Amino acid sequence: MRKMPIGPTTQTWTQVLNRDFQASLDLLDGYRSDPETLYRAMNQFIVMPNGCYGQAGAAAVLLAASKAEKSVSEEVAAAISHWIEAAKLVNDSIPAVRAIEIDFLVRGEQMELASSKLKELIKVNPEDYWACRSALNYWAAMGDLAQVAIWGKRAEECAHSSRRWEQVIWQMGLIAQQQKLWQQAAGFYEQLISASSSDAALYHHMSEVYFELGEYKKALAYNKKSLQFKPTAAGEQLQKSILKASVWWRKLLP
């Protein structure tokens, strides 16, 4: 009599590992400068039995943490590079891992190499969510807004979950804000607002955008919400700037 397998098959186990890896990447993608998100993501990556996922995840966490600085230090860059190469030695065909490598190259302004690797990734995995997000990140760094629009749309189409869709819209909002396209940025951020939203970073960015648009009432309202959920020095300074500008503007009224 044939015995039934006690544990999961290799294919099932691989699917479970990939699902956990994707979930941890989604968690990390929601990083808004709160250390807790980095800790949780790193803890999930380092316990993964698949060396490729764990090492690529560790690189992604360091890369996300480094974005708070203007540039990546040599020590951190060396660590990220080490983890990426170690992951690729285990498996060099996983789209998300290759996307992490491309994002790292873009962060280090190695645009020619990033372009070459991105073309390879998109050719093989044109519908992969992380490949599309990596392309969006690359073209934003290049300042090509036409390509940003194309890859933003493709990333939305490949999101397949509300959480991923929200992350694409958030990234598009940040790109528009960085390019000083204030009205477009406001449009993206407004799509993310809900009655139960408690995202302090979102409210802070909306406040910045409406301040630039000269809509001080809206700017102050969003600033207050941001400070309500997470008081920060940047938020308090923005509030002072809004109040000062609104008082100055009122003085010009007849």
Protein backbone atom coordinates (compact mmCIF):
# COMPACT_ATOMS: atom_id res chain seq x y z
CA MET A 1 0.00 0.00 0.00
CA ARG A 2 1.38 3.39 -1.01
CA LYS A 3 2.06 5.78 1.90
CA MET A 4 0.75 9.34 1.73
CA PRO A 5 3.34 12.10 2.30
CA ILE A 6 3.37 13.33 5.89
CA GLY A 7 4.59 16.86 5.20
CA PRO A 8 4.01 19.30 2.33
CA THR A 9 5.34 18.50 -1.13
CA THR A 10 8.36 20.39 -2.44
CA GLN A 11 6.12 22.42 -4.75
CA THR A 12 3.73 23.30 -1.94
CA TRP A 13 6.59 24.24 0.38
CA THR A 14 8.11 26.46 -2.32
CA GLN A 15 4.78 28.23 -2.79
CA VAL A 16 4.47 28.80 0.97
CA LEU A 17 7.97 30.27 1.17
CA ASN A 18 7.36 32.55 -1.80
CA ARG A 19 4.07 33.71 -0.28
CA ASP A 20 5.80 34.54 3.01
CA PHE A 21 8.58 36.35 1.15
CA GLN A 22 6.08 38.42 -0.82
CA ALA A 23 4.13 39.26 2.35
CA SER A 24 7.31 40.44 4.09
CA LEU A 25 8.24 42.59 1.10
CA ASP A 26 4.76 44.15 1.20
CA LEU A 27 5.25 44.89 4.91
CA LEU A 28 8.60 46.56 4.21
CA ASP A 29 7.11 48.49 1.29
CA GLY A 30 4.85 50.26 3.80
CA TYR A 31 7.85 51.72 5.64
CA ARG A 32 7.28 55.40 6.45
CA SER A 33 10.31 56.08 8.69
CA ASP A 34 8.92 54.08 11.62
CA PRO A 35 11.64 51.72 12.98
CA GLU A 36 9.04 49.14 14.04
CA THR A 37 8.31 48.28 10.40
CA LEU A 38 12.01 47.68 9.73
CA TYR A 39 12.35 45.47 12.83
CA ARG A 40 9.30 43.39 11.95
CA ALA A 41 10.36 42.93 8.34
CA MET A 42 13.93 42.00 9.25
CA ASN A 43 12.73 39.50 11.85
CA GLN A 44 10.53 37.84 9.25
CA PHE A 45 13.30 37.67 6.67
CA ILE A 46 16.04 36.28 8.91
CA VAL A 47 13.97 33.28 10.04
CA MET A 48 13.10 32.21 6.48
CA PRO A 49 14.54 28.75 5.74
CA ASN A 50 15.21 29.76 2.14
CA GLY A 51 18.61 31.49 2.06
CA CYS A 52 17.82 33.44 -1.09
CA TYR A 53 14.69 35.04 0.39
CA GLY A 54 16.28 35.74 3.76
CA GLN A 55 19.41 37.35 2.35
CA ALA A 56 17.59 39.37 -0.31
CA GLY A 57 15.12 40.51 2.36
CA ALA A 58 17.95 41.64 4.65
CA ALA A 59 19.38 43.69 1.75
CA ALA A 60 15.96 45.23 1.10
CA VAL A 61 15.61 46.26 4.76
CA LEU A 62 19.02 47.96 4.77
CA LEU A 63 18.19 49.67 1.49
CA ALA A 64 14.87 50.96 2.85
CA ALA A 65 16.53 52.22 6.03
CA SER A 66 19.22 54.04 4.04
CA LYS A 67 16.66 56.20 2.22
CA ALA A 68 16.50 58.47 5.25
CA GLU A 69 20.01 59.64 4.31
CA LYS A 70 21.10 61.58 1.23
CA SER A 71 23.44 58.79 0.19
CA VAL A 72 24.32 55.25 1.24
CA SER A 73 27.46 54.97 3.33
CA GLU A 74 30.24 52.70 2.05
CA GLU A 75 29.74 50.31 4.95
CA VAL A 76 26.00 49.96 4.38
CA ALA A 77 26.46 49.72 0.59
CA ALA A 78 28.96 46.89 1.07
CA ALA A 79 26.54 45.03 3.35
CA ILE A 80 23.64 45.43 0.89
CA SER A 81 25.82 44.30 -2.01
CA HIS A 82 26.99 41.27 0.00
CA TRP A 83 23.44 40.12 0.82
CA ILE A 84 22.25 40.60 -2.76
CA GLU A 85 25.13 38.60 -4.21
CA ALA A 86 24.64 35.87 -1.60
CA ALA A 87 20.95 35.67 -2.50
CA LYS A 88 21.71 35.46 -6.23
CA LEU A 89 24.14 32.59 -5.64
CA VAL A 90 21.23 30.60 -4.23
CA ASN A 91 18.73 31.59 -6.94
CA ASP A 92 19.27 34.26 -9.59
CA SER A 93 15.87 33.89 -11.28
CA ILE A 94 13.48 35.40 -8.71
CA PRO A 95 12.08 38.70 -10.08
CA ALA A 96 11.71 40.38 -6.68
CA VAL A 97 15.35 39.66 -5.81
CA ARG A 98 16.54 41.11 -9.10
CA ALA A 99 14.29 44.14 -8.54
CA ILE A 100 15.97 44.74 -5.17
CA GLU A 101 19.35 44.70 -6.91
CA ILE A 102 18.17 47.22 -9.50
CA ASP A 103 16.76 49.53 -6.81
CA PHE A 104 20.12 49.35 -5.06
CA LEU A 105 21.96 50.30 -8.26
CA VAL A 106 19.58 53.23 -8.78
CA ARG A 107 20.16 54.35 -5.19
CA GLY A 108 23.90 54.29 -5.88
CA GLU A 109 23.36 56.19 -9.16
CA GLN A 110 24.75 53.32 -11.25
CA MET A 111 22.15 54.05 -13.89
CA GLU A 112 23.78 52.37 -16.89
CA LEU A 113 24.10 49.03 -15.09
CA ALA A 114 20.63 49.44 -13.60
CA SER A 115 19.20 50.04 -17.08
CA SER A 116 20.82 46.91 -18.46
CA LYS A 117 19.57 44.71 -15.64
CA LEU A 118 16.10 46.29 -15.77
CA LYS A 119 15.77 45.50 -19.49
CA GLU A 120 16.65 41.86 -18.78
CA LEU A 121 14.18 41.68 -15.91
CA ILE A 122 11.28 43.22 -17.85
CA LYS A 123 11.96 41.05 -20.90
CA VAL A 124 11.59 37.86 -18.85
CA ASN A 125 8.99 39.08 -16.33
CA PRO A 126 6.93 41.86 -17.99
CA GLU A 127 3.90 41.33 -15.71
CA ASP A 128 5.72 40.97 -12.39
CA TYR A 129 4.65 43.54 -9.78
CA TRP A 130 8.13 44.11 -8.33
CA ALA A 131 9.66 44.37 -11.81
CA CYS A 132 7.14 47.10 -12.67
CA ARG A 133 7.80 48.90 -9.39
CA SER A 134 11.54 48.74 -10.07
CA ALA A 135 10.98 50.24 -13.53
CA LEU A 136 8.87 52.99 -11.99
CA ASN A 137 11.64 53.75 -9.51
CA TYR A 138 14.28 53.78 -12.26
CA TRP A 139 12.40 56.18 -14.55
CA ALA A 140 11.57 58.47 -11.66
CA ALA A 141 15.29 58.70 -10.86
CA MET A 142 15.93 59.46 -14.54
CA GLY A 143 13.32 62.22 -14.46
CA ASP A 144 11.40 60.78 -17.43
CA LEU A 145 7.79 61.57 -16.47
CA ALA A 146 6.32 59.95 -19.59
CA GLN A 147 7.89 56.63 -18.62
CA VAL A 148 6.85 57.18 -15.01
CA ALA A 149 3.22 57.45 -16.14
CA ILE A 150 3.53 54.27 -18.22
CA TRP A 151 5.14 52.18 -15.49
CA GLY A 152 2.91 53.61 -12.78
CA LYS A 153 -0.08 52.35 -14.75
CA ARG A 154 1.50 48.96 -15.34
CA ALA A 155 2.37 48.63 -11.67
CA GLU A 156 -1.25 49.39 -10.77
CA GLU A 157 -2.45 46.70 -13.19
CA CYS A 158 -0.05 44.15 -11.69
CA ALA A 159 -0.82 45.01 -8.06
CA HIS A 160 -3.67 42.50 -7.60
CA SER A 161 -4.36 43.68 -4.04
CA SER A 162 -5.58 46.90 -2.44
CA ARG A 163 -2.42 47.13 -0.35
CA ARG A 164 -0.14 47.00 -3.38
CA TRP A 165 -2.34 49.41 -5.30
CA GLU A 166 -2.07 51.88 -2.42
CA GLN A 167 1.73 51.58 -2.45
CA VAL A 168 1.83 52.39 -6.17
CA ILE A 169 -0.35 55.46 -5.67
CA TRP A 170 1.82 56.52 -2.71
CA GLN A 171 4.96 56.23 -4.84
CA MET A 172 3.34 58.19 -7.67
CA GLY A 173 2.39 60.90 -5.18
CA LEU A 174 5.97 61.11 -3.90
CA ILE A 175 7.34 61.32 -7.43
CA ALA A 176 4.91 64.11 -8.36
CA GLN A 177 5.77 65.99 -5.17
CA GLN A 178 9.51 65.65 -5.80
CA GLN A 179 8.96 67.05 -9.30
CA LYS A 180 6.95 69.94 -7.78
CA LEU A 181 3.81 68.84 -9.60
CA TRP A 182 1.72 69.88 -6.64
CA GLN A 183 -1.75 69.41 -8.11
CA GLN A 184 -0.92 65.94 -9.39
CA ALA A 185 0.62 64.98 -6.06
CA ALA A 186 -2.52 66.12 -4.26
CA GLY A 187 -4.62 64.01 -6.63
CA PHE A 188 -2.63 60.87 -5.85
CA TYR A 189 -2.62 61.44 -2.10
CA GLU A 190 -6.35 62.18 -2.03
CA GLN A 191 -6.99 58.71 -3.45
CA LEU A 192 -5.44 57.21 -0.31
CA ILE A 193 -7.57 59.09 2.18
CA SER A 194 -10.30 57.17 3.98
CA ALA A 195 -12.39 57.88 7.06
CA SER A 196 -10.28 55.48 9.12
CA SER A 197 -6.88 56.53 7.79
CA SER A 198 -4.31 57.12 10.51
CA ASP A 199 -1.26 57.45 8.27
CA ALA A 200 0.59 60.42 9.74
CA ALA A 201 3.12 60.45 6.88
CA LEU A 202 0.32 60.70 4.30
CA TYR A 203 -1.29 63.64 6.11
CA HIS A 204 2.09 65.35 6.45
CA HIS A 205 2.78 65.09 2.72
CA MET A 206 -0.72 66.32 1.89
CA SER A 207 -0.14 69.28 4.17
CA GLU A 208 3.14 70.06 2.39
CA VAL A 209 1.48 69.89 -1.02
CA TYR A 210 -1.48 72.12 -0.11
CA PHE A 211 0.93 74.57 1.50
CA GLU A 212 2.77 74.83 -1.82
CA LEU A 213 -0.56 75.29 -3.59
CA GLY A 214 -1.41 78.17 -1.27
CA GLU A 215 -4.44 76.35 0.13
CA TYR A 216 -3.55 77.10 3.73
CA LYS A 217 -6.83 76.01 5.29
CA LYS A 218 -6.44 72.51 3.86
CA ALA A 219 -2.74 72.49 4.64
CA LEU A 220 -3.40 73.33 8.29
CA ALA A 221 -6.18 70.74 8.59
CA TYR A 222 -3.96 67.94 7.28
CA ASN A 223 -1.06 69.16 9.37
CA LYS A 224 -3.17 68.90 12.52
CA LYS A 225 -4.18 65.35 11.61
CA SER A 226 -0.56 64.43 11.01
CA LEU A 227 0.50 65.81 14.40
CA GLN A 228 -2.47 64.12 16.06
CA PHE A 229 -1.29 60.68 14.96
CA LYS A 230 2.46 61.30 15.20
CA PRO A 231 3.96 64.53 16.53
CA THR A 232 7.23 65.35 14.76
CA ALA A 233 9.60 68.30 14.61
CA ALA A 234 9.05 68.52 10.85
CA GLY A 235 5.29 68.65 11.35
CA GLU A 236 5.54 71.37 13.98
CA GLN A 237 7.84 73.44 11.76
CA LEU A 238 5.43 73.03 8.85
CA GLN A 239 2.59 74.25 11.04
CA LYS A 240 4.52 77.40 11.87
CA SER A 241 5.22 78.00 8.18
CA ILE A 242 1.55 77.55 7.28
CA LEU A 243 0.36 79.92 10.00
CA LYS A 244 2.95 82.53 9.06
CA ALA A 245 2.06 82.33 5.36
CA SER A 246 -1.69 82.44 5.99
CA VAL A 247 -1.38 85.54 8.21
CA TRP A 248 0.80 87.25 5.59
CA TRP A 249 -1.70 86.35 2.86
CA ARG A 250 -4.64 87.77 4.84
CA LYS A 251 -2.82 91.10 5.15
CA LEU A 252 -2.96 91.46 1.38
CA LEU A 253 -6.75 91.21 1.32
CA PRO A 254 -8.67 94.49 0.77
